[in-house]
Protein backbone atom coordinates (compact mmCIF):
# COMPACT_ATOMS: atom_id res chain seq x y z
CA MET A 1 4.26 -19.90 35.00
CA SER A 2 3.14 -22.65 32.55
CA SER A 3 5.72 -25.19 31.16
CA TRP A 4 5.21 -23.69 27.49
CA THR A 5 6.10 -20.14 28.78
CA SER A 6 9.05 -21.50 30.53
CA ARG A 7 10.36 -23.30 27.36
CA TYR A 8 9.61 -20.14 25.30
CA ASP A 9 11.62 -18.00 27.87
CA ARG A 10 14.44 -20.42 27.80
CA LEU A 11 14.41 -20.40 23.70
CA LEU A 12 14.63 -16.65 23.69
CA LYS A 13 17.54 -16.67 26.17
CA TRP A 14 19.28 -19.68 24.33
CA ARG A 15 19.01 -17.62 21.03
CA GLU A 16 20.28 -14.43 22.64
CA ARG A 17 23.50 -16.29 24.04
CA ASN A 18 24.43 -18.42 21.05
CA ILE A 19 23.31 -16.72 17.63
CA PRO A 20 24.39 -13.11 17.11
CA ASN A 21 21.45 -10.70 16.17
CA ASP A 22 23.09 -10.26 12.75
CA LYS A 23 23.33 -13.83 11.98
CA PHE A 24 19.88 -14.41 13.24
CA VAL A 25 18.36 -11.99 10.78
CA ILE A 26 19.85 -13.71 8.07
CA LEU A 27 18.42 -17.16 9.32
CA LEU A 28 14.89 -15.73 9.88
CA SER A 29 14.82 -13.94 6.15
CA PHE A 30 15.59 -17.48 4.87
CA LEU A 31 12.74 -18.99 6.82
CA VAL A 32 10.49 -15.85 5.68
CA GLY A 33 11.55 -16.86 2.16
CA ILE A 34 10.32 -20.34 2.45
CA PHE A 35 7.18 -19.97 4.33
CA THR A 36 6.15 -17.07 2.09
CA SER A 37 6.69 -19.10 -1.09
CA ILE A 38 4.64 -21.81 0.31
CA ALA A 39 1.80 -19.52 0.72
CA ALA A 40 2.08 -18.00 -2.71
CA CYS A 41 2.15 -21.50 -4.35
CA ILE A 42 -0.91 -22.65 -2.40
CA LEU A 43 -2.89 -19.63 -3.48
CA LYS A 44 -1.98 -20.13 -7.11
CA GLN A 45 -2.94 -23.68 -6.98
CA ILE A 46 -6.20 -23.18 -5.06
CA ILE A 47 -6.96 -20.44 -7.64
CA HIS A 48 -6.32 -22.62 -10.82
CA LEU A 49 -7.97 -25.58 -9.26
CA ILE A 50 -11.07 -23.69 -8.60
CA GLN A 51 -11.18 -21.95 -12.19
CA TYR A 52 -10.37 -25.36 -13.82
CA LEU A 53 -13.30 -27.12 -12.11
CA LEU A 54 -15.81 -24.21 -13.12
CA THR A 55 -14.84 -23.50 -16.54
CA THR A 56 -13.16 -26.65 -18.05
CA ASN A 57 -16.34 -27.60 -19.88
CA PHE A 58 -17.14 -24.09 -21.38
CA SER A 59 -17.77 -23.65 -25.12
CA VAL A 60 -15.62 -21.17 -26.86
CA TYR A 61 -18.03 -20.37 -29.20
CA HIS A 62 -21.12 -19.29 -27.06
CA GLU A 63 -21.75 -16.58 -24.11
CA GLN A 64 -21.59 -18.47 -20.83
CA TYR A 65 -24.62 -17.59 -18.50
CA LEU A 66 -22.71 -19.18 -15.44
CA TYR A 67 -20.58 -15.67 -15.63
CA LEU A 68 -23.60 -14.05 -14.15
CA LEU A 69 -23.44 -16.59 -11.23
CA TYR A 70 -19.82 -17.68 -10.42
CA PRO A 71 -18.61 -14.02 -9.33
CA ALA A 72 -21.38 -13.18 -7.08
CA VAL A 73 -20.98 -16.84 -5.41
CA GLY A 74 -17.22 -16.47 -5.02
CA ILE A 75 -17.63 -12.86 -3.43
CA LEU A 76 -20.41 -13.88 -1.17
CA ILE A 77 -18.41 -16.76 0.47
CA ALA A 78 -15.25 -14.58 0.64
CA ALA A 79 -17.44 -11.81 2.10
CA LEU A 80 -18.99 -13.94 4.62
CA PHE A 81 -15.75 -15.72 5.64
CA VAL A 82 -14.21 -12.20 6.37
CA LYS A 83 -17.35 -10.91 8.30
CA TYR A 84 -17.82 -13.96 10.39
CA VAL A 85 -14.53 -15.70 10.77
CA VAL A 86 -11.85 -13.21 10.37
CA LYS A 87 -14.09 -10.36 11.47
CA ASP A 88 -11.55 -7.74 10.28
CA ASP A 89 -11.03 -5.60 7.31
CA ILE A 90 -8.34 -7.49 4.89
CA SER A 91 -8.64 -5.66 1.89
CA HIS A 92 -5.95 -3.03 0.45
CA GLY A 93 -2.99 -5.31 1.57
CA VAL A 94 -0.15 -3.29 0.35
CA THR A 95 -1.76 -0.16 1.99
CA LYS A 96 -1.95 -2.03 5.24
CA ILE A 97 1.53 -2.71 4.96
CA LEU A 98 2.55 0.97 4.29
CA PHE A 99 0.37 1.80 7.36
CA ALA A 100 2.27 -0.59 9.71
CA LEU A 101 5.47 0.78 8.37
CA SER A 102 4.80 4.52 8.50
CA GLN A 103 3.46 3.94 12.07
CA ARG A 104 6.83 2.44 13.01
CA LYS A 105 4.91 -0.52 14.65
CA SER A 106 5.69 -2.84 11.88
CA ILE A 107 2.91 -5.06 13.69
CA ILE A 108 0.78 -7.09 11.38
CA LYS A 109 -1.97 -9.03 13.02
CA PRO A 110 -1.39 -12.93 12.85
CA HIS A 111 -4.48 -13.84 11.04
CA ASN A 112 -3.03 -12.06 8.01
CA MET A 113 -0.87 -14.99 7.63
CA TRP A 114 -3.54 -17.16 6.32
CA SER A 115 -6.83 -15.10 6.07
CA SER A 116 -6.05 -13.33 2.86
CA VAL A 117 -4.85 -16.61 1.08
CA VAL A 118 -8.54 -18.17 1.74
CA ALA A 119 -10.45 -15.09 0.86
CA SER A 120 -8.59 -14.11 -2.40
CA SER A 121 -8.21 -17.68 -3.70
CA VAL A 122 -12.09 -18.03 -3.32
CA THR A 123 -12.72 -14.52 -4.90
CA ILE A 124 -10.41 -14.84 -7.66
CA GLY A 125 -11.14 -18.79 -8.29
CA PHE A 126 -14.84 -17.89 -8.90
CA GLY A 127 -14.12 -14.90 -11.21
CA GLY A 128 -13.23 -11.90 -9.03
CA SER A 129 -11.37 -9.47 -11.39
CA VAL A 130 -8.52 -8.57 -9.20
CA GLY A 131 -4.98 -10.18 -8.43
CA ALA A 132 -3.65 -12.47 -5.79
CA GLU A 133 -0.37 -10.50 -5.59
CA ALA A 134 -1.25 -7.87 -3.00
CA PRO A 135 -2.81 -10.59 -0.59
CA VAL A 136 0.17 -12.53 -0.83
CA VAL A 137 2.23 -9.77 -0.11
CA LEU A 138 0.17 -9.01 2.81
CA THR A 139 0.67 -12.80 3.82
CA GLY A 140 4.22 -12.56 3.25
CA SER A 141 4.91 -9.35 5.41
CA ALA A 142 2.65 -10.81 8.10
CA ILE A 143 4.66 -13.95 8.34
CA GLY A 144 7.80 -11.63 8.59
CA SER A 145 6.24 -9.48 11.29
CA ASN A 146 4.96 -12.28 13.37
CA LEU A 147 7.98 -14.28 13.15
CA GLY A 148 9.98 -11.26 14.31
CA ARG A 149 7.60 -10.57 17.10
CA PHE A 150 7.74 -14.19 18.38
CA PHE A 151 11.47 -13.82 18.81
CA LYS A 152 11.04 -10.15 20.44
CA LEU A 153 12.96 -8.64 17.75
CA ASP A 154 13.35 -4.55 18.02
CA GLN A 155 11.08 -2.25 15.90
CA LYS A 156 13.85 -1.45 13.16
CA THR A 157 14.48 -5.27 12.67
CA LEU A 158 10.78 -5.94 12.49
CA MET A 159 10.48 -3.45 9.94
CA LEU A 160 13.28 -5.10 7.90
CA MET A 161 11.32 -8.56 8.37
CA VAL A 162 7.90 -7.29 7.11
CA GLY A 163 10.07 -6.02 3.82
CA CYS A 164 11.52 -9.69 3.67
CA GLY A 165 8.01 -11.14 3.62
CA ALA A 166 6.98 -8.48 0.76
CA ALA A 167 10.12 -9.25 -1.27
CA GLY A 168 9.73 -13.21 -0.81
CA ALA A 169 6.04 -12.88 -1.91
CA ILE A 170 6.88 -10.97 -5.20
CA GLY A 171 9.80 -13.37 -5.77
CA GLY A 172 7.44 -16.51 -4.89
CA ILE A 173 4.24 -15.57 -6.77
CA PHE A 174 6.03 -14.03 -9.96
CA LYS A 175 9.12 -15.94 -9.85
CA ALA A 176 11.01 -12.64 -10.09
CA PRO A 177 13.46 -12.33 -7.31
CA ILE A 178 15.21 -8.89 -8.66
CA ALA A 179 11.56 -7.59 -8.84
CA GLY A 180 10.81 -8.63 -5.47
CA ILE A 181 13.63 -6.73 -3.97
CA VAL A 182 13.04 -3.73 -6.02
CA PHE A 183 9.44 -3.68 -4.98
CA THR A 184 10.26 -3.60 -1.26
CA LEU A 185 12.76 -0.87 -1.87
CA GLU A 186 10.89 1.36 -4.20
CA VAL A 187 7.30 0.85 -2.75
CA LEU A 188 7.55 0.03 0.97
CA MET A 189 10.83 1.15 2.44
CA LEU A 190 12.27 4.58 3.16
CA ASP A 191 15.79 4.10 3.52
CA MET A 192 17.89 0.72 3.09
CA THR A 193 21.33 0.23 3.64
CA PHE A 194 23.63 -2.57 2.44
CA SER A 195 23.28 -4.69 5.60
CA SER A 196 19.33 -4.51 4.87
CA VAL A 197 19.49 -5.44 1.55
CA ILE A 198 21.14 -8.80 2.11
CA PRO A 199 18.11 -10.40 3.95
CA LEU A 200 15.96 -9.04 1.37
CA LEU A 201 18.01 -10.84 -1.22
CA ILE A 202 18.05 -13.84 0.57
CA SER A 203 14.19 -14.08 1.10
CA SER A 204 13.47 -13.31 -2.39
CA VAL A 205 15.66 -15.68 -3.87
CA THR A 206 14.84 -18.32 -1.39
CA ALA A 207 11.04 -17.78 -2.26
CA THR A 208 11.93 -17.75 -5.87
CA THR A 209 13.68 -21.05 -5.68
CA MET A 210 10.88 -22.57 -3.98
CA ALA A 211 8.64 -21.72 -6.62
CA TYR A 212 10.84 -23.11 -9.08
CA LEU A 213 10.60 -26.45 -7.16
CA PHE A 214 6.83 -26.34 -6.76
CA MET A 215 5.62 -24.79 -10.18
CA GLY A 216 8.60 -25.30 -12.58
CA THR A 217 11.20 -22.92 -14.08
CA GLU A 218 9.36 -21.69 -16.97
CA ALA A 219 8.59 -17.97 -17.13
CA GLN A 220 4.92 -16.72 -16.31
CA PHE A 221 4.33 -15.38 -19.75
CA VAL A 222 6.03 -17.09 -22.81
CA MET A 223 6.46 -15.03 -25.97
CA GLN A 224 8.37 -14.78 -29.13
CA GLY A 225 8.82 -11.06 -29.39
CA GLU A 226 10.84 -9.04 -32.06
CA SER A 227 14.16 -7.66 -31.10
CA PHE A 228 14.58 -3.94 -30.35
CA SER A 229 15.34 -1.58 -33.02
CA LEU A 230 15.85 2.28 -32.99
CA SER A 231 13.47 3.04 -35.42
CA ARG A 232 10.61 1.89 -33.27
CA ILE A 233 11.56 4.29 -30.55
CA PRO A 234 8.73 6.88 -31.24
CA TYR A 235 6.29 3.95 -31.01
CA TYR A 236 7.34 3.40 -27.33
CA LEU A 237 7.46 7.00 -26.71
CA ILE A 238 3.80 7.28 -27.74
CA LEU A 239 3.08 4.18 -25.66
CA GLY A 240 4.63 5.66 -22.46
CA VAL A 241 2.32 8.88 -22.65
CA VAL A 242 -0.72 6.72 -23.46
CA CYS A 243 0.31 4.41 -20.36
CA GLY A 244 0.80 7.46 -18.06
CA PHE A 245 -2.61 8.79 -18.93
CA PHE A 246 -4.22 5.28 -18.69
CA SER A 247 -2.42 5.09 -15.19
CA LEU A 248 -4.13 8.20 -14.19
CA TYR A 249 -7.51 7.02 -15.11
CA PHE A 250 -6.88 3.70 -13.56
CA THR A 251 -5.75 5.51 -10.16
CA ARG A 252 -8.45 8.05 -9.90
CA GLY A 253 -11.14 5.85 -11.45
CA MET A 254 -10.60 3.16 -8.62
CA ASN A 255 -10.33 5.61 -6.09
CA TRP A 256 -13.54 7.51 -6.99
CA ILE A 257 -15.41 4.22 -7.34
CA GLU A 258 -14.26 3.00 -3.76
CA ASN A 259 -15.22 6.08 -2.29
CA ILE A 260 -18.81 5.68 -3.60
CA PHE A 261 -18.98 2.21 -2.32
CA ARG A 262 -17.61 3.31 0.98
CA LYS A 263 -20.60 5.51 1.36
CA ILE A 264 -22.94 2.46 1.30
CA SER A 265 -22.96 1.31 4.97
CA ASN A 266 -25.24 -1.86 4.45
CA PHE A 267 -23.35 -5.17 3.81
CA TRP A 268 -26.05 -6.71 1.75
CA VAL A 269 -26.91 -3.62 -0.47
CA LYS A 270 -22.98 -3.07 -1.05
CA PHE A 271 -22.68 -6.98 -2.16
CA VAL A 272 -25.45 -6.73 -4.30
CA ILE A 273 -24.45 -3.88 -6.17
CA GLY A 274 -20.87 -4.98 -6.54
CA ALA A 275 -21.83 -8.35 -7.72
CA VAL A 276 -24.22 -7.34 -10.29
CA ILE A 277 -21.90 -4.93 -12.02
CA LEU A 278 -19.12 -7.61 -11.73
CA SER A 279 -21.19 -10.45 -13.06
CA ALA A 280 -22.60 -8.35 -15.89
CA LEU A 281 -19.11 -6.99 -17.01
CA ILE A 282 -17.65 -10.65 -17.10
CA PHE A 283 -20.78 -11.87 -18.95
CA ILE A 284 -20.21 -9.10 -21.56
CA PHE A 285 -16.50 -8.95 -21.39
CA PRO A 286 -15.15 -12.51 -20.37
CA PRO A 287 -11.37 -11.72 -20.23
CA LEU A 288 -12.45 -9.52 -16.96
CA TYR A 289 -13.04 -13.28 -15.34
CA GLY A 290 -10.28 -13.72 -12.61
CA GLU A 291 -6.75 -12.61 -13.01
CA GLY A 292 -6.85 -12.23 -16.78
CA TYR A 293 -3.46 -13.97 -17.34
CA ASP A 294 -4.64 -16.00 -19.91
CA SER A 295 -5.80 -13.03 -22.06
CA ILE A 296 -2.36 -11.48 -21.23
CA SER A 297 -0.88 -14.65 -22.69
CA ALA A 298 -2.95 -14.54 -25.59
CA LEU A 299 -2.11 -11.06 -26.76
CA LEU A 300 1.59 -11.63 -25.96
CA ASN A 301 1.32 -14.53 -28.76
CA LEU A 302 -0.90 -12.33 -31.06
CA ASN A 303 -3.91 -15.03 -30.57
CA THR A 304 -6.57 -12.38 -30.34
CA SER A 305 -9.29 -14.91 -31.20
CA GLU A 306 -8.97 -16.25 -27.53
CA ILE A 307 -10.08 -12.87 -25.83
CA PHE A 308 -13.30 -13.28 -27.77
CA GLU A 309 -13.95 -16.87 -26.50
CA HIS A 310 -17.27 -17.23 -24.36
CA SER A 311 -18.43 -13.71 -25.64
CA MET A 312 -21.41 -12.48 -27.52
CA PHE A 313 -18.90 -10.71 -30.09
CA TRP A 314 -17.18 -14.03 -31.04
CA ASN A 315 -18.31 -13.19 -34.73
CA LEU A 316 -16.84 -9.50 -34.58
CA GLN A 317 -13.28 -10.50 -34.06
CA ASN A 318 -11.95 -10.50 -37.66
CA SER A 319 -12.87 -6.86 -38.06
CA THR A 320 -9.97 -4.46 -36.95
CA TYR A 321 -12.52 -1.80 -35.83
CA TRP A 322 -14.27 -4.02 -33.59
CA LEU A 323 -11.19 -5.39 -32.20
CA ILE A 324 -10.01 -1.69 -31.08
CA ALA A 325 -13.51 -1.04 -29.82
CA TYR A 326 -13.45 -4.17 -27.71
CA LEU A 327 -9.75 -3.82 -26.41
CA LEU A 328 -10.93 -0.01 -25.54
CA LEU A 329 -13.91 -1.14 -23.69
CA ILE A 330 -12.31 -3.83 -21.65
CA ILE A 331 -9.61 -1.29 -20.43
CA LEU A 332 -12.19 1.31 -19.50
CA PHE A 333 -14.55 -1.25 -17.53
CA LYS A 334 -11.70 -3.30 -15.97
CA ILE A 335 -11.40 -0.56 -13.24
CA PHE A 336 -15.16 -1.12 -12.57
CA ALA A 337 -14.81 -4.86 -12.23
CA SER A 338 -11.66 -4.71 -10.13
CA ALA A 339 -13.37 -1.97 -7.68
CA ALA A 340 -16.67 -3.92 -7.69
CA THR A 341 -14.97 -7.24 -6.59
CA ASN A 342 -13.37 -5.55 -3.55
CA ALA A 343 -16.37 -3.17 -2.72
CA ALA A 344 -18.75 -6.27 -2.56
CA GLY A 345 -16.40 -8.10 -0.08
CA GLY A 346 -14.13 -9.67 -2.43
CA CYS A 347 -10.42 -10.00 -1.54
CA GLY A 348 -7.72 -9.20 -4.28
CA GLY A 349 -4.98 -6.72 -5.30
CA ILE A 350 -4.22 -4.26 -8.39
CA PHE A 351 -1.03 -5.97 -9.29
CA ALA A 352 -2.92 -8.18 -12.00
CA PRO A 353 -5.34 -5.65 -12.87
CA SER A 354 -2.63 -3.15 -13.95
CA LEU A 355 -0.74 -5.69 -15.79
CA PHE A 356 -3.88 -6.89 -17.61
CA VAL A 357 -4.73 -3.01 -18.56
CA GLY A 358 -1.09 -2.35 -19.44
CA CYS A 359 -0.99 -5.37 -21.74
CA PHE A 360 -4.36 -4.44 -23.56
CA THR A 361 -3.04 -0.83 -23.54
CA GLY A 362 0.12 -1.72 -25.47
CA PHE A 363 -1.72 -3.98 -27.87
CA LEU A 364 -4.39 -1.50 -28.47
CA VAL A 365 -1.92 1.18 -29.41
CA ALA A 366 -0.12 -1.24 -31.73
CA VAL A 367 -3.39 -2.11 -33.38
CA VAL A 368 -4.16 1.61 -33.85
CA LEU A 369 -0.79 2.39 -35.34
CA GLN A 370 -1.14 -0.54 -37.76
CA ALA A 371 -4.48 0.61 -38.73
CA LEU A 372 -3.11 4.23 -39.42
CA GLY A 373 -0.67 2.71 -41.87
CA PHE A 374 2.54 2.00 -39.69
CA GLY A 375 3.13 -1.49 -40.69
CA ASP A 376 6.20 -2.22 -38.47
CA VAL A 377 4.54 -1.73 -35.26
CA PRO A 378 5.52 -4.81 -33.24
CA ALA A 379 2.34 -5.48 -31.33
CA GLN A 380 3.79 -8.00 -28.74
CA ASN A 381 6.60 -5.82 -27.78
CA LEU A 382 4.14 -2.96 -27.20
CA ALA A 383 2.00 -5.06 -25.20
CA LEU A 384 4.71 -6.32 -23.11
CA ALA A 385 6.19 -2.66 -22.74
CA GLY A 386 2.47 -1.73 -21.74
CA MET A 387 2.40 -3.98 -18.63
CA ALA A 388 5.64 -2.26 -17.33
CA GLY A 389 4.25 1.26 -18.22
CA LEU A 390 0.93 0.78 -16.41
CA MET A 391 2.52 -0.94 -13.24
CA SER A 392 5.10 2.04 -13.14
CA GLY A 393 2.26 4.59 -13.33
CA VAL A 394 -0.09 3.15 -10.99
CA MET A 395 2.44 2.09 -8.50
CA HIS A 396 4.64 4.93 -9.09
CA ALA A 397 7.64 2.32 -9.25
CA PRO A 398 9.28 2.28 -12.42
CA LEU A 399 12.15 0.31 -11.42
CA THR A 400 9.55 -2.51 -10.21
CA GLY A 401 7.60 -2.18 -13.74
CA ILE A 402 10.98 -2.70 -15.81
CA PHE A 403 12.25 -5.59 -13.72
CA LEU A 404 9.16 -7.50 -12.87
CA ILE A 405 8.06 -7.43 -16.76
CA ALA A 406 11.62 -8.56 -17.64
CA GLU A 407 11.55 -11.39 -15.32
CA LEU A 408 7.73 -12.38 -16.17
CA THR A 409 8.48 -12.82 -19.82
CA GLY A 410 12.23 -13.59 -19.94
CA GLY A 411 12.15 -10.50 -22.34
CA TYR A 412 15.50 -8.99 -21.06
CA GLU A 413 16.37 -8.06 -24.59
CA LEU A 414 13.81 -5.57 -24.64
CA PHE A 415 15.07 -3.83 -21.63
CA ILE A 416 15.47 -0.18 -23.26
CA PRO A 417 11.72 -0.34 -24.51
CA LEU A 418 10.67 -1.20 -20.93
CA MET A 419 12.65 1.44 -19.56
CA ILE A 420 11.32 4.20 -22.02
CA VAL A 421 7.83 3.36 -21.45
CA SER A 422 8.02 3.20 -17.66
CA VAL A 423 9.70 6.29 -17.30
CA ILE A 424 7.49 8.07 -19.42
CA SER A 425 4.50 6.43 -17.96
CA TYR A 426 5.52 7.50 -14.55
CA CYS A 427 6.62 11.12 -15.58
CA THR A 428 3.29 11.76 -17.26
CA ILE A 429 1.31 10.54 -14.14
CA TYR A 430 3.35 12.08 -11.60
CA VAL A 431 2.49 15.80 -13.05
CA PHE A 432 -1.24 15.01 -12.11
CA GLU A 433 -0.98 12.61 -9.00
CA PRO A 434 2.03 12.63 -6.62
CA HIS A 435 1.01 9.53 -4.94
CA SER A 436 0.58 5.82 -6.00
CA LEU A 437 -3.09 4.28 -5.54
CA TYR A 438 -1.40 2.39 -2.75
CA ALA A 439 -0.04 5.62 -0.85
CA MET A 440 -3.25 7.73 -1.57
CA ARG A 441 -5.09 6.94 1.48
CA LEU A 442 -2.34 7.26 3.85
CA ALA A 443 -0.92 10.56 2.20
CA LYS A 444 -4.29 12.12 2.87
CA LYS A 445 -3.97 11.45 6.45
CA GLY A 446 -0.41 12.40 6.68
CA GLU A 447 0.53 8.88 7.80
CA LEU A 448 2.57 7.90 4.58
CA MET A 449 6.38 7.35 4.92
CA THR A 450 8.28 8.46 2.07
CA HIS A 451 11.79 8.00 0.71
CA ASN A 452 12.37 11.76 1.89
CA LYS A 453 14.29 11.09 5.10
CA ASP A 454 13.22 14.50 6.78
CA LYS A 455 9.47 13.79 5.89
CA ALA A 456 9.97 10.14 6.86
CA VAL A 457 11.23 10.94 10.19
CA LEU A 458 8.28 13.45 10.77
CA THR A 459 5.97 10.79 9.94
CA LEU A 460 7.49 8.38 12.50
CA LEU A 461 7.11 10.79 15.37
CA LYS A 462 3.79 11.27 17.06
CA THR A 463 2.53 14.02 18.74
CA GLU A 464 1.08 12.04 21.59
CA ASP A 465 4.50 10.71 22.32
CA LEU A 466 6.12 14.32 22.66
CA LEU A 467 3.62 15.54 24.99
CA GLU A 468 4.81 17.37 28.17
CA THR A 469 2.34 17.11 31.10
CA ASP A 470 4.50 19.16 33.75
CA ILE A 471 2.90 22.49 33.05
CA GLN A 472 0.55 23.56 36.06
CA THR A 473 -3.10 24.59 35.30
CA ILE A 474 -5.03 27.33 36.94
CA SER A 475 -8.84 28.08 37.22
CA PRO A 476 -9.62 31.38 35.35
CA ASN A 477 -11.43 32.55 38.49
CA ALA A 478 -8.10 32.25 40.60
CA MET A 479 -6.58 35.48 41.75
CA PHE A 480 -3.26 36.73 40.82
CA GLY A 481 -1.88 35.95 44.04
CA ASP A 482 -2.84 32.16 43.53
CA LEU A 483 -0.93 32.38 40.25
CA ILE A 484 2.15 33.86 42.22
CA LYS A 485 2.03 30.83 44.31
CA LEU A 486 1.91 28.57 41.54
CA ILE A 487 4.92 30.44 39.90
CA SER A 488 6.91 29.89 42.81
CA GLN A 489 6.32 26.02 42.83
CA SER A 490 6.78 25.46 39.02
CA LYS A 491 9.85 24.99 36.88
CA ARG A 492 8.03 26.28 33.78
CA ASN A 493 7.48 29.71 32.52
CA ILE A 494 3.90 29.11 31.02
CA PHE A 495 0.64 28.06 32.63
CA ALA A 496 -2.71 26.63 31.27
CA VAL A 497 -5.98 28.12 32.15
CA VAL A 498 -8.74 25.52 32.29
CA ASP A 499 -12.30 25.52 33.70
CA ARG A 500 -13.04 22.78 36.37
CA ASN A 501 -14.37 20.63 33.07
CA SER A 502 -10.75 20.86 31.93
CA VAL A 503 -11.75 22.68 28.85
CA PHE A 504 -9.08 24.88 27.70
CA LEU A 505 -9.42 28.78 27.94
CA GLY A 506 -5.93 30.16 27.55
CA ILE A 507 -2.37 30.69 28.86
CA VAL A 508 -0.64 33.01 31.18
CA SER A 509 3.06 33.57 30.51
CA LEU A 510 5.62 34.45 33.00
CA GLU A 511 6.82 37.14 30.50
CA GLU A 512 3.24 38.79 30.64
CA VAL A 513 3.12 39.37 34.53
CA ARG A 514 6.74 39.75 35.37
CA ASN A 515 6.57 43.46 35.60
CA ILE A 516 3.67 43.48 38.45
CA MET A 517 4.39 40.09 40.00
CA PHE A 518 6.41 41.71 43.07
CA ARG A 519 3.37 44.01 43.78
CA PRO A 520 1.37 42.41 46.54
CA GLU A 521 -1.40 45.16 46.37
CA LEU A 522 -2.26 43.69 43.18
CA TYR A 523 -2.57 40.00 44.41
CA ASN A 524 -6.46 40.35 45.32
CA ARG A 525 -7.27 42.88 42.48
CA PHE A 526 -6.78 40.76 39.27
CA SER A 527 -8.13 37.43 38.31
CA VAL A 528 -6.41 34.99 36.09
CA ARG A 529 -9.17 35.43 33.65
CA ARG A 530 -7.86 39.17 33.18
CA LEU A 531 -4.24 38.06 32.80
CA MET A 532 -4.65 35.24 30.26
CA VAL A 533 -4.24 35.24 26.50
CA SER A 534 -5.01 32.90 23.74
CA PRO A 535 -2.02 30.93 22.31
CA PRO A 536 -0.54 31.83 18.96
CA ALA A 537 -1.68 28.42 17.86
CA LYS A 538 -3.28 25.15 19.23
CA VAL A 539 -2.28 21.54 18.60
CA TYR A 540 -4.68 18.45 18.42
CA ILE A 541 -4.08 14.95 19.59
CA GLY A 542 -3.20 12.81 16.66
CA GLU A 543 -2.01 16.05 14.49
CA PRO A 544 0.71 14.99 12.21
CA VAL A 545 4.24 16.34 13.66
CA GLU A 546 4.83 18.10 10.28
CA SER A 547 1.84 20.13 10.76
CA VAL A 548 2.99 20.94 14.12
CA ILE A 549 6.38 22.01 12.83
CA ARG A 550 4.52 24.39 10.69
CA LYS A 551 2.63 25.90 13.32
CA PHE A 552 5.79 26.42 15.55
CA ASP A 553 7.35 28.15 12.39
CA ASP A 554 4.38 30.26 11.68
CA SER A 555 3.64 31.61 15.28
CA ARG A 556 7.42 31.57 16.20
CA ALA A 557 6.29 30.09 19.43
CA TRP A 558 8.40 27.40 21.74
CA ASN A 559 5.44 25.98 23.57
CA LEU A 560 1.94 25.19 22.12
CA PRO A 561 -0.83 23.64 24.06
CA VAL A 562 -2.14 20.25 23.06
CA LEU A 563 -6.06 19.52 22.92
CA ASP A 564 -8.30 16.66 22.63
CA GLY A 565 -11.59 18.52 21.13
CA ASP A 566 -11.49 21.32 23.48
CA LYS A 567 -10.24 19.66 26.48
CA TYR A 568 -6.77 20.35 27.56
CA ILE A 569 -4.08 17.41 27.52
CA GLY A 570 -0.66 18.89 27.71
CA PHE A 571 1.86 21.10 25.76
CA VAL A 572 4.47 20.48 23.04
CA SER A 573 7.85 22.26 23.02
CA LYS A 574 9.74 23.05 19.80
CA SER A 575 12.81 21.75 21.75
CA LYS A 576 11.23 18.35 22.62
CA VAL A 577 10.35 17.96 18.94
CA LEU A 578 13.76 18.92 17.48
CA SER A 579 15.39 16.46 20.07
CA ALA A 580 13.11 13.65 19.18
CA TYR A 581 13.75 14.42 15.44
CA ARG A 582 17.57 14.27 16.09
CA GLU A 583 17.39 10.93 17.80
CA MET A 584 15.07 9.37 15.39
CA LEU A 585 17.21 10.48 12.31
CA VAL A 586 20.33 8.99 14.28
CA GLU A 587 18.50 5.60 14.71
CA LEU A 588 17.27 5.62 11.19
CA SER A 589 20.62 6.56 9.59
CA ALA A 590 22.34 3.81 11.85
CA GLU A 591 23.49 0.36 10.06
């Protein structure tokens, strides 16, 4: 045993003897908040540094042809880094966290503690039209997961550490501690107790405090909006519905584009197509460059001229109709730019794109209403509420949308409009799409953990863990007498009939042969092939347990064979499933 291993073992034993588990979780949540905030600050600073070096000398009055080059260079660097250094897929960060939680391993690979920071900073700094938030959430969750694994924490505590990392990431990168907690509870966790919320609170507040120290206490977006008025509620109702439909467009459009790129297997073909689409869109619509937070700030402060900077449409900014068309086209093409960025090999998330589209949607609705003669429409307020509406719809997280936008802008006096738009947007999209963009991929595979505890428990159970292999097998060519000998040696009342290649053919039940099993004259007359029957249903390895339960209910069987293709693996019993379900339910419900 090496000296390092020996010291490591002594450290673990010392911790177990001197620090109770509940207090140790508090300590770890504090450390996760510190490390995650540092990662978030490093990521933001690198992005801003790269953007400053590349664009600081641009003229605002002319289109910039370097926009045709920068995004492609950034994606190429990030893609080669992922392909040859990381050698793993690091896209869809929040989806990866959901998968880790749903499979109840809560294990996130160590490289995720730094790889997403490197890849996303280059991608976004060079103009990739995505956000830094999902990569840093994956980074924070990886920090929590690996710190927990280092100290050999149990699976339930490991799950909590993953949540602490996510809460710290949101709190650190947005300076939004409440939103960090709410995001973790609403988007990631299935059933949190009071004792679990405390570590989340510590991580989120710690990360936010560190962000204040590194980046100042000013809100992300500074605006001077108008106070809330009851007479303007109809405007927010309209905006809520519009945000719901734009959220649906965002969700399904992004998924559709990603599916198209997924069919392209060649790395270079995918890169070229994605880079060309992204560069062309940014050249035509410069606000699509990078995260887009400068454009959001411009609209929140009614500086519409800023979104026309570096654009070929600079001379059209004073026309209301051109402004409406420009805003609408940017909204529609944002998903193409974001999807192309990730599909071509870049790394980024949909936090920033959803905020971007939401702000432009709110401002567009305000401009259209003003053009129709409604002179008292507060464009800044609608732009602010639109951000909450899109985030609520795309992520299926209305509370996250409300609190995040309030903390991002300091617009707490507009809480009611934020609530109205977020709730209506969520209700609108939920009619058409029951899952968020994050959860869609896992839901299709039956691997999504939900806030419904029954479904969550079934998701956590695995068919392979419920497998029973003590059921005897017999050849179809064996005689009835051979089956009788097998019955005398077995404790089960069912037998699997398989050929010499383990291909499953059928079953023989004790109930089926009970009336003839004491007639020796038949022992050499019948073969097992004549006695076997087909099972009422078959279960396949890897099949979701929720589907297995449905098969038990439909067939009214108590035992079903489990196959790997056509090969026999074992049986699964309803009693085993129910027993495992009860044990898991008790464990999840325990404090």
